[in-house]
Amino acid sequence: MIRVRVKLTFPEALVREPIIARMVTELGVVPNIRRADVGEHSGWIVCELDGDGAGVDRAVHWLQAEGVQVDLLGDVVES
């Protein structure tokens, strides 16, 4: 299991979409939301993504393919 800290930035078209819920159900990666600011036109979330290494990597690529900007914040913790 690893934990990666990321900042997810959502454009206006995705603010109302259940992207995080889909990530959990489709990819099995669990987010731990640390900070967030979501408004009517944009939003961002700082969270830790928990899962196996390959699953977290797939989740990052999946989020990017969905249109979410993913910035890795550098904290990777293996357990």
PDB file of N, CA and C in Angstrom:
ATOM      1  N   MET A   1       0.843  -1.195   0.000  1.00  0.00           N
ATOM      2  CA  MET A   1       0.000   0.000   0.000  1.00  0.00           C
ATOM      3  C   MET A   1       0.878   1.245   0.000  1.00  0.00           C
ATOM      4  N   ILE A   2       0.470   2.223  -0.783  1.00  0.00           N
ATOM      5  CA  ILE A   2       1.160   3.507  -0.775  1.00  0.00           C
ATOM      6  C   ILE A   2       0.131   4.615  -0.602  1.00  0.00           C
ATOM      7  N   ARG A   3       0.628   5.754  -0.226  1.00  0.00           N
ATOM      8  CA  ARG A   3      -0.191   6.958  -0.078  1.00  0.00           C
ATOM      9  C   ARG A   3       0.524   8.073  -0.822  1.00  0.00           C
ATOM     10  N   VAL A   4      -0.178   8.702  -1.771  1.00  0.00           N
ATOM     11  CA  VAL A   4       0.382   9.785  -2.562  1.00  0.00           C
ATOM     12  C   VAL A   4      -0.463  11.032  -2.338  1.00  0.00           C
ATOM     13  N   ARG A   5       0.197  12.140  -2.029  1.00  0.00           N
ATOM     14  CA  ARG A   5      -0.526  13.402  -1.834  1.00  0.00           C
ATOM     15  C   ARG A   5      -0.594  14.137  -3.167  1.00  0.00           C
ATOM     16  N   VAL A   6      -1.809  14.549  -3.542  1.00  0.00           N
ATOM     17  CA  VAL A   6      -2.036  15.224  -4.814  1.00  0.00           C
ATOM     18  C   VAL A   6      -2.960  16.423  -4.624  1.00  0.00           C
ATOM     19  N   LYS A   7      -2.884  17.331  -5.578  1.00  0.00           N
ATOM     20  CA  LYS A   7      -3.871  18.409  -5.679  1.00  0.00           C
ATOM     21  C   LYS A   7      -4.642  18.162  -6.959  1.00  0.00           C
ATOM     22  N   LEU A   8      -5.946  18.043  -6.843  1.00  0.00           N
ATOM     23  CA  LEU A   8      -6.823  17.821  -7.981  1.00  0.00           C
ATOM     24  C   LEU A   8      -7.564  19.113  -8.277  1.00  0.00           C
ATOM     25  N   THR A   9      -7.450  19.609  -9.496  1.00  0.00           N
ATOM     26  CA  THR A   9      -8.127  20.837  -9.901  1.00  0.00           C
ATOM     27  C   THR A   9      -9.168  20.484 -10.955  1.00  0.00           C
ATOM     28  N   PHE A  10     -10.409  20.866 -10.674  1.00  0.00           N
ATOM     29  CA  PHE A  10     -11.536  20.514 -11.523  1.00  0.00           C
ATOM     30  C   PHE A  10     -11.999  21.725 -12.332  1.00  0.00           C
ATOM     31  N   PRO A  11     -12.104  21.586 -13.655  1.00  0.00           N
ATOM     32  CA  PRO A  11     -12.665  22.673 -14.457  1.00  0.00           C
ATOM     33  C   PRO A  11     -14.179  22.754 -14.252  1.00  0.00           C
ATOM     34  N   GLU A  12     -14.757  23.818 -14.720  1.00  0.00           N
ATOM     35  CA  GLU A  12     -16.187  24.069 -14.517  1.00  0.00           C
ATOM     36  C   GLU A  12     -17.060  22.897 -14.984  1.00  0.00           C
ATOM     37  N   ALA A  13     -16.713  22.287 -16.093  1.00  0.00           N
ATOM     38  CA  ALA A  13     -17.530  21.197 -16.645  1.00  0.00           C
ATOM     39  C   ALA A  13     -17.557  19.969 -15.740  1.00  0.00           C
ATOM     40  N   LEU A  14     -16.593  19.830 -14.836  1.00  0.00           N
ATOM     41  CA  LEU A  14     -16.522  18.638 -13.983  1.00  0.00           C
ATOM     42  C   LEU A  14     -16.889  18.878 -12.523  1.00  0.00           C
ATOM     43  N   VAL A  15     -17.147  20.120 -12.152  1.00  0.00           N
ATOM     44  CA  VAL A  15     -17.385  20.434 -10.738  1.00  0.00           C
ATOM     45  C   VAL A  15     -18.558  19.644 -10.172  1.00  0.00           C
ATOM     46  N   ARG A  16     -19.584  19.433 -10.942  1.00  0.00           N
ATOM     47  CA  ARG A  16     -20.776  18.737 -10.444  1.00  0.00           C
ATOM     48  C   ARG A  16     -20.758  17.232 -10.717  1.00  0.00           C
ATOM     49  N   GLU A  17     -19.693  16.728 -11.317  1.00  0.00           N
ATOM     50  CA  GLU A  17     -19.601  15.298 -11.630  1.00  0.00           C
ATOM     51  C   GLU A  17     -19.031  14.522 -10.432  1.00  0.00           C
ATOM     52  N   PRO A  18     -19.494  13.299 -10.201  1.00  0.00           N
ATOM     53  CA  PRO A  18     -19.005  12.495  -9.066  1.00  0.00           C
ATOM     54  C   PRO A  18     -17.690  11.771  -9.383  1.00  0.00           C
ATOM     55  N   ILE A  19     -16.683  12.533  -9.768  1.00  0.00           N
ATOM     56  CA  ILE A  19     -15.400  11.966 -10.193  1.00  0.00           C
ATOM     57  C   ILE A  19     -14.752  11.151  -9.069  1.00  0.00           C
ATOM     58  N   ILE A  20     -14.716  11.686  -7.866  1.00  0.00           N
ATOM     59  CA  ILE A  20     -14.068  10.995  -6.743  1.00  0.00           C
ATOM     60  C   ILE A  20     -14.802   9.691  -6.427  1.00  0.00           C
ATOM     61  N   ALA A  21     -16.114   9.730  -6.399  1.00  0.00           N
ATOM     62  CA  ALA A  21     -16.895   8.511  -6.127  1.00  0.00           C
ATOM     63  C   ALA A  21     -16.638   7.457  -7.196  1.00  0.00           C
ATOM     64  N   ARG A  22     -16.560   7.866  -8.446  1.00  0.00           N
ATOM     65  CA  ARG A  22     -16.275   6.927  -9.537  1.00  0.00           C
ATOM     66  C   ARG A  22     -14.879   6.338  -9.397  1.00  0.00           C
ATOM     67  N   MET A  23     -13.909   7.158  -8.990  1.00  0.00           N
ATOM     68  CA  MET A  23     -12.544   6.665  -8.803  1.00  0.00           C
ATOM     69  C   MET A  23     -12.527   5.551  -7.747  1.00  0.00           C
ATOM     70  N   VAL A  24     -13.249   5.768  -6.664  1.00  0.00           N
ATOM     71  CA  VAL A  24     -13.287   4.764  -5.589  1.00  0.00           C
ATOM     72  C   VAL A  24     -13.928   3.470  -6.086  1.00  0.00           C
ATOM     73  N   THR A  25     -15.082   3.564  -6.730  1.00  0.00           N
ATOM     74  CA  THR A  25     -15.795   2.356  -7.139  1.00  0.00           C
ATOM     75  C   THR A  25     -15.137   1.658  -8.325  1.00  0.00           C
ATOM     76  N   GLU A  26     -14.610   2.414  -9.277  1.00  0.00           N
ATOM     77  CA  GLU A  26     -14.041   1.803 -10.478  1.00  0.00           C
ATOM     78  C   GLU A  26     -12.593   1.357 -10.297  1.00  0.00           C
ATOM     79  N   LEU A  27     -11.820   2.072  -9.464  1.00  0.00           N
ATOM     80  CA  LEU A  27     -10.390   1.786  -9.356  1.00  0.00           C
ATOM     81  C   LEU A  27      -9.958   1.291  -7.983  1.00  0.00           C
ATOM     82  N   GLY A  28     -10.821   1.399  -6.986  1.00  0.00           N
ATOM     83  CA  GLY A  28     -10.489   0.909  -5.654  1.00  0.00           C
ATOM     84  C   GLY A  28      -9.453   1.723  -4.913  1.00  0.00           C
ATOM     85  N   VAL A  29      -9.235   2.953  -5.340  1.00  0.00           N
ATOM     86  CA  VAL A  29      -8.291   3.848  -4.655  1.00  0.00           C
ATOM     87  C   VAL A  29      -9.100   4.739  -3.721  1.00  0.00           C
ATOM     88  N   VAL A  30      -8.637   4.862  -2.478  1.00  0.00           N
ATOM     89  CA  VAL A  30      -9.375   5.595  -1.455  1.00  0.00           C
ATOM     90  C   VAL A  30      -8.728   6.953  -1.207  1.00  0.00           C
ATOM     91  N   PRO A  31      -9.493   8.043  -1.344  1.00  0.00           N
ATOM     92  CA  PRO A  31      -8.948   9.364  -1.067  1.00  0.00           C
ATOM     93  C   PRO A  31      -9.160   9.758   0.392  1.00  0.00           C
ATOM     94  N   ASN A  32      -8.194  10.463   0.941  1.00  0.00           N
ATOM     95  CA  ASN A  32      -8.338  11.091   2.249  1.00  0.00           C
ATOM     96  C   ASN A  32      -8.237  12.588   1.994  1.00  0.00           C
ATOM     97  N   ILE A  33      -9.368  13.264   1.974  1.00  0.00           N
ATOM     98  CA  ILE A  33      -9.404  14.683   1.619  1.00  0.00           C
ATOM     99  C   ILE A  33      -8.883  15.505   2.783  1.00  0.00           C
ATOM    100  N   ARG A  34      -7.865  16.307   2.513  1.00  0.00           N
ATOM    101  CA  ARG A  34      -7.216  17.128   3.538  1.00  0.00           C
ATOM    102  C   ARG A  34      -7.668  18.584   3.471  1.00  0.00           C
ATOM    103  N   ARG A  35      -7.880  19.097   2.278  1.00  0.00           N
ATOM    104  CA  ARG A  35      -8.358  20.472   2.071  1.00  0.00           C
ATOM    105  C   ARG A  35      -9.149  20.494   0.775  1.00  0.00           C
ATOM    106  N   ALA A  36     -10.092  21.426   0.685  1.00  0.00           N
ATOM    107  CA  ALA A  36     -10.856  21.541  -0.554  1.00  0.00           C
ATOM    108  C   ALA A  36     -11.504  22.914  -0.631  1.00  0.00           C
ATOM    109  N   ASP A  37     -11.708  23.346  -1.849  1.00  0.00           N
ATOM    110  CA  ASP A  37     -12.462  24.568  -2.127  1.00  0.00           C
ATOM    111  C   ASP A  37     -13.185  24.331  -3.444  1.00  0.00           C
ATOM    112  N   VAL A  38     -14.486  24.117  -3.356  1.00  0.00           N
ATOM    113  CA  VAL A  38     -15.276  23.826  -4.536  1.00  0.00           C
ATOM    114  C   VAL A  38     -16.359  24.877  -4.660  1.00  0.00           C
ATOM    115  N   GLY A  39     -16.382  25.521  -5.808  1.00  0.00           N
ATOM    116  CA  GLY A  39     -17.382  26.551  -6.066  1.00  0.00           C
ATOM    117  C   GLY A  39     -18.224  26.182  -7.267  1.00  0.00           C
ATOM    118  N   GLU A  40     -18.986  27.111  -7.732  1.00  0.00           N
ATOM    119  CA  GLU A  40     -19.887  26.891  -8.855  1.00  0.00           C
ATOM    120  C   GLU A  40     -19.122  26.695 -10.169  1.00  0.00           C
ATOM    121  N   HIS A  41     -17.968  27.348 -10.317  1.00  0.00           N
ATOM    122  CA  HIS A  41     -17.265  27.351 -11.605  1.00  0.00           C
ATOM    123  C   HIS A  41     -15.942  26.598 -11.618  1.00  0.00           C
ATOM    124  N   SER A  42     -15.402  26.281 -10.481  1.00  0.00           N
ATOM    125  CA  SER A  42     -14.146  25.528 -10.421  1.00  0.00           C
ATOM    126  C   SER A  42     -13.982  24.966  -9.013  1.00  0.00           C
ATOM    127  N   GLY A  43     -13.002  24.119  -8.863  1.00  0.00           N
ATOM    128  CA  GLY A  43     -12.755  23.565  -7.538  1.00  0.00           C
ATOM    129  C   GLY A  43     -11.421  22.856  -7.485  1.00  0.00           C
ATOM    130  N   TRP A  44     -10.911  22.716  -6.270  1.00  0.00           N
ATOM    131  CA  TRP A  44      -9.680  21.954  -6.068  1.00  0.00           C
ATOM    132  C   TRP A  44      -9.792  21.167  -4.774  1.00  0.00           C
ATOM    133  N   ILE A  45      -9.064  20.066  -4.750  1.00  0.00           N
ATOM    134  CA  ILE A  45      -9.014  19.194  -3.582  1.00  0.00           C
ATOM    135  C   ILE A  45      -7.562  18.784  -3.369  1.00  0.00           C
ATOM    136  N   VAL A  46      -7.076  18.901  -2.147  1.00  0.00           N
ATOM    137  CA  VAL A  46      -5.794  18.317  -1.774  1.00  0.00           C
ATOM    138  C   VAL A  46      -6.139  17.057  -1.007  1.00  0.00           C
ATOM    139  N   CYS A  47      -5.643  15.925  -1.499  1.00  0.00           N
ATOM    140  CA  CYS A  47      -5.969  14.666  -0.844  1.00  0.00           C
ATOM    141  C   CYS A  47      -4.813  13.690  -0.948  1.00  0.00           C
ATOM    142  N   GLU A  48      -4.913  12.653  -0.158  1.00  0.00           N
ATOM    143  CA  GLU A  48      -3.977  11.541  -0.215  1.00  0.00           C
ATOM    144  C   GLU A  48      -4.710  10.385  -0.876  1.00  0.00           C
ATOM    145  N   LEU A  49      -4.089   9.789  -1.882  1.00  0.00           N
ATOM    146  CA  LEU A  49      -4.670   8.633  -2.551  1.00  0.00           C
ATOM    147  C   LEU A  49      -4.018   7.386  -1.985  1.00  0.00           C
ATOM    148  N   ASP A  50      -4.818   6.500  -1.422  1.00  0.00           N
ATOM    149  CA  ASP A  50      -4.323   5.261  -0.812  1.00  0.00           C
ATOM    150  C   ASP A  50      -4.701   4.070  -1.670  1.00  0.00           C
ATOM    151  N   GLY A  51      -3.731   3.187  -1.896  1.00  0.00           N
ATOM    152  CA  GLY A  51      -3.990   1.959  -2.631  1.00  0.00           C
ATOM    153  C   GLY A  51      -2.677   1.278  -2.960  1.00  0.00           C
ATOM    154  N   ASP A  52      -2.758   0.192  -3.741  1.00  0.00           N
ATOM    155  CA  ASP A  52      -1.508  -0.422  -4.166  1.00  0.00           C
ATOM    156  C   ASP A  52      -0.860   0.486  -5.214  1.00  0.00           C
ATOM    157  N   GLY A  53       0.433   0.337  -5.408  1.00  0.00           N
ATOM    158  CA  GLY A  53       1.181   1.231  -6.292  1.00  0.00           C
ATOM    159  C   GLY A  53       0.604   1.338  -7.684  1.00  0.00           C
ATOM    160  N   ALA A  54       0.275   0.199  -8.283  1.00  0.00           N
ATOM    161  CA  ALA A  54      -0.276   0.199  -9.633  1.00  0.00           C
ATOM    162  C   ALA A  54      -1.655   0.851  -9.662  1.00  0.00           C
ATOM    163  N   GLY A  55      -2.455   0.624  -8.629  1.00  0.00           N
ATOM    164  CA  GLY A  55      -3.795   1.209  -8.573  1.00  0.00           C
ATOM    165  C   GLY A  55      -3.758   2.720  -8.462  1.00  0.00           C
ATOM    166  N   VAL A  56      -2.855   3.231  -7.644  1.00  0.00           N
ATOM    167  CA  VAL A  56      -2.728   4.692  -7.494  1.00  0.00           C
ATOM    168  C   VAL A  56      -2.246   5.297  -8.804  1.00  0.00           C
ATOM    169  N   ASP A  57      -1.302   4.641  -9.463  1.00  0.00           N
ATOM    170  CA  ASP A  57      -0.810   5.129 -10.752  1.00  0.00           C
ATOM    171  C   ASP A  57      -1.937   5.145 -11.784  1.00  0.00           C
ATOM    172  N   ARG A  58      -2.739   4.089 -11.827  1.00  0.00           N
ATOM    173  CA  ARG A  58      -3.890   4.048 -12.740  1.00  0.00           C
ATOM    174  C   ARG A  58      -4.878   5.162 -12.414  1.00  0.00           C
ATOM    175  N   ALA A  59      -5.105   5.405 -11.122  1.00  0.00           N
ATOM    176  CA  ALA A  59      -6.046   6.452 -10.714  1.00  0.00           C
ATOM    177  C   ALA A  59      -5.581   7.828 -11.176  1.00  0.00           C
ATOM    178  N   VAL A  60      -4.285   8.106 -11.043  1.00  0.00           N
ATOM    179  CA  VAL A  60      -3.755   9.402 -11.485  1.00  0.00           C
ATOM    180  C   VAL A  60      -3.972   9.565 -12.983  1.00  0.00           C
ATOM    181  N   HIS A  61      -3.644   8.542 -13.759  1.00  0.00           N
ATOM    182  CA  HIS A  61      -3.827   8.625 -15.209  1.00  0.00           C
ATOM    183  C   HIS A  61      -5.306   8.716 -15.582  1.00  0.00           C
ATOM    184  N   TRP A  62      -6.147   7.986 -14.860  1.00  0.00           N
ATOM    185  CA  TRP A  62      -7.586   8.024 -15.111  1.00  0.00           C
ATOM    186  C   TRP A  62      -8.148   9.418 -14.845  1.00  0.00           C
ATOM    187  N   LEU A  63      -7.750  10.025 -13.722  1.00  0.00           N
ATOM    188  CA  LEU A  63      -8.207  11.381 -13.405  1.00  0.00           C
ATOM    189  C   LEU A  63      -7.803  12.362 -14.499  1.00  0.00           C
ATOM    190  N   GLN A  64      -6.568  12.261 -14.963  1.00  0.00           N
ATOM    191  CA  GLN A  64      -6.097  13.143 -16.033  1.00  0.00           C
ATOM    192  C   GLN A  64      -6.907  12.926 -17.315  1.00  0.00           C
ATOM    193  N   ALA A  65      -7.188  11.672 -17.640  1.00  0.00           N
ATOM    194  CA  ALA A  65      -7.971  11.375 -18.840  1.00  0.00           C
ATOM    195  C   ALA A  65      -9.398  11.911 -18.727  1.00  0.00           C
ATOM    196  N   GLU A  66      -9.927  12.003 -17.502  1.00  0.00           N
ATOM    197  CA  GLU A  66     -11.264  12.550 -17.283  1.00  0.00           C
ATOM    198  C   GLU A  66     -11.288  14.075 -17.379  1.00  0.00           C
ATOM    199  N   GLY A  67     -10.107  14.712 -17.384  1.00  0.00           N
ATOM    200  CA  GLY A  67     -10.037  16.166 -17.498  1.00  0.00           C
ATOM    201  C   GLY A  67      -9.655  16.883 -16.223  1.00  0.00           C
ATOM    202  N   VAL A  68      -9.279  16.134 -15.188  1.00  0.00           N
ATOM    203  CA  VAL A  68      -8.859  16.722 -13.918  1.00  0.00           C
ATOM    204  C   VAL A  68      -7.355  16.999 -13.988  1.00  0.00           C
ATOM    205  N   GLN A  69      -6.951  18.181 -13.570  1.00  0.00           N
ATOM    206  CA  GLN A  69      -5.522  18.480 -13.472  1.00  0.00           C
ATOM    207  C   GLN A  69      -5.002  17.851 -12.193  1.00  0.00           C
ATOM    208  N   VAL A  70      -3.957  17.032 -12.301  1.00  0.00           N
ATOM    209  CA  VAL A  70      -3.388  16.333 -11.147  1.00  0.00           C
ATOM    210  C   VAL A  70      -1.967  16.834 -10.931  1.00  0.00           C
ATOM    211  N   ASP A  71      -1.736  17.438  -9.764  1.00  0.00           N
ATOM    212  CA  ASP A  71      -0.399  17.874  -9.385  1.00  0.00           C
ATOM    213  C   ASP A  71       0.074  17.003  -8.224  1.00  0.00           C
ATOM    214  N   LEU A  72       1.169  16.281  -8.437  1.00  0.00           N
ATOM    215  CA  LEU A  72       1.750  15.475  -7.371  1.00  0.00           C
ATOM    216  C   LEU A  72       2.465  16.407  -6.397  1.00  0.00           C
ATOM    217  N   LEU A  73       2.162  16.258  -5.115  1.00  0.00           N
ATOM    218  CA  LEU A  73       2.723  17.154  -4.112  1.00  0.00           C
ATOM    219  C   LEU A  73       3.965  16.571  -3.439  1.00  0.00           C
ATOM    220  N   GLY A  74       4.376  15.405  -3.881  1.00  0.00           N
ATOM    221  CA  GLY A  74       5.671  14.893  -3.454  1.00  0.00           C
ATOM    222  C   GLY A  74       5.676  13.953  -2.263  1.00  0.00           C
ATOM    223  N   ASP A  75       4.613  13.865  -1.517  1.00  0.00           N
ATOM    224  CA  ASP A  75       4.609  12.984  -0.355  1.00  0.00           C
ATOM    225  C   ASP A  75       4.126  11.599  -0.769  1.00  0.00           C
ATOM    226  N   VAL A  76       5.030  10.620  -0.763  1.00  0.00           N
ATOM    227  CA  VAL A  76       4.680   9.228  -1.027  1.00  0.00           C
ATOM    228  C   VAL A  76       5.082   8.435   0.205  1.00  0.00           C
ATOM    229  N   VAL A  77       4.126   7.764   0.810  1.00  0.00           N
ATOM    230  CA  VAL A  77       4.397   6.972   2.006  1.00  0.00           C
ATOM    231  C   VAL A  77       4.018   5.539   1.705  1.00  0.00           C
ATOM    232  N   GLU A  78       4.961   4.621   1.881  1.00  0.00           N
ATOM    233  CA  GLU A  78       4.684   3.206   1.689  1.00  0.00           C
ATOM    234  C   GLU A  78       4.443   2.558   3.039  1.00  0.00           C
ATOM    235  N   SER A  79       3.470   1.660   3.079  1.00  0.00           N
ATOM    236  CA  SER A  79       3.196   0.954   4.335  1.00  0.00           C
ATOM    237  C   SER A  79       3.161  -0.522   4.118  1.00  0.00           C
TER     238      SER A  79
END
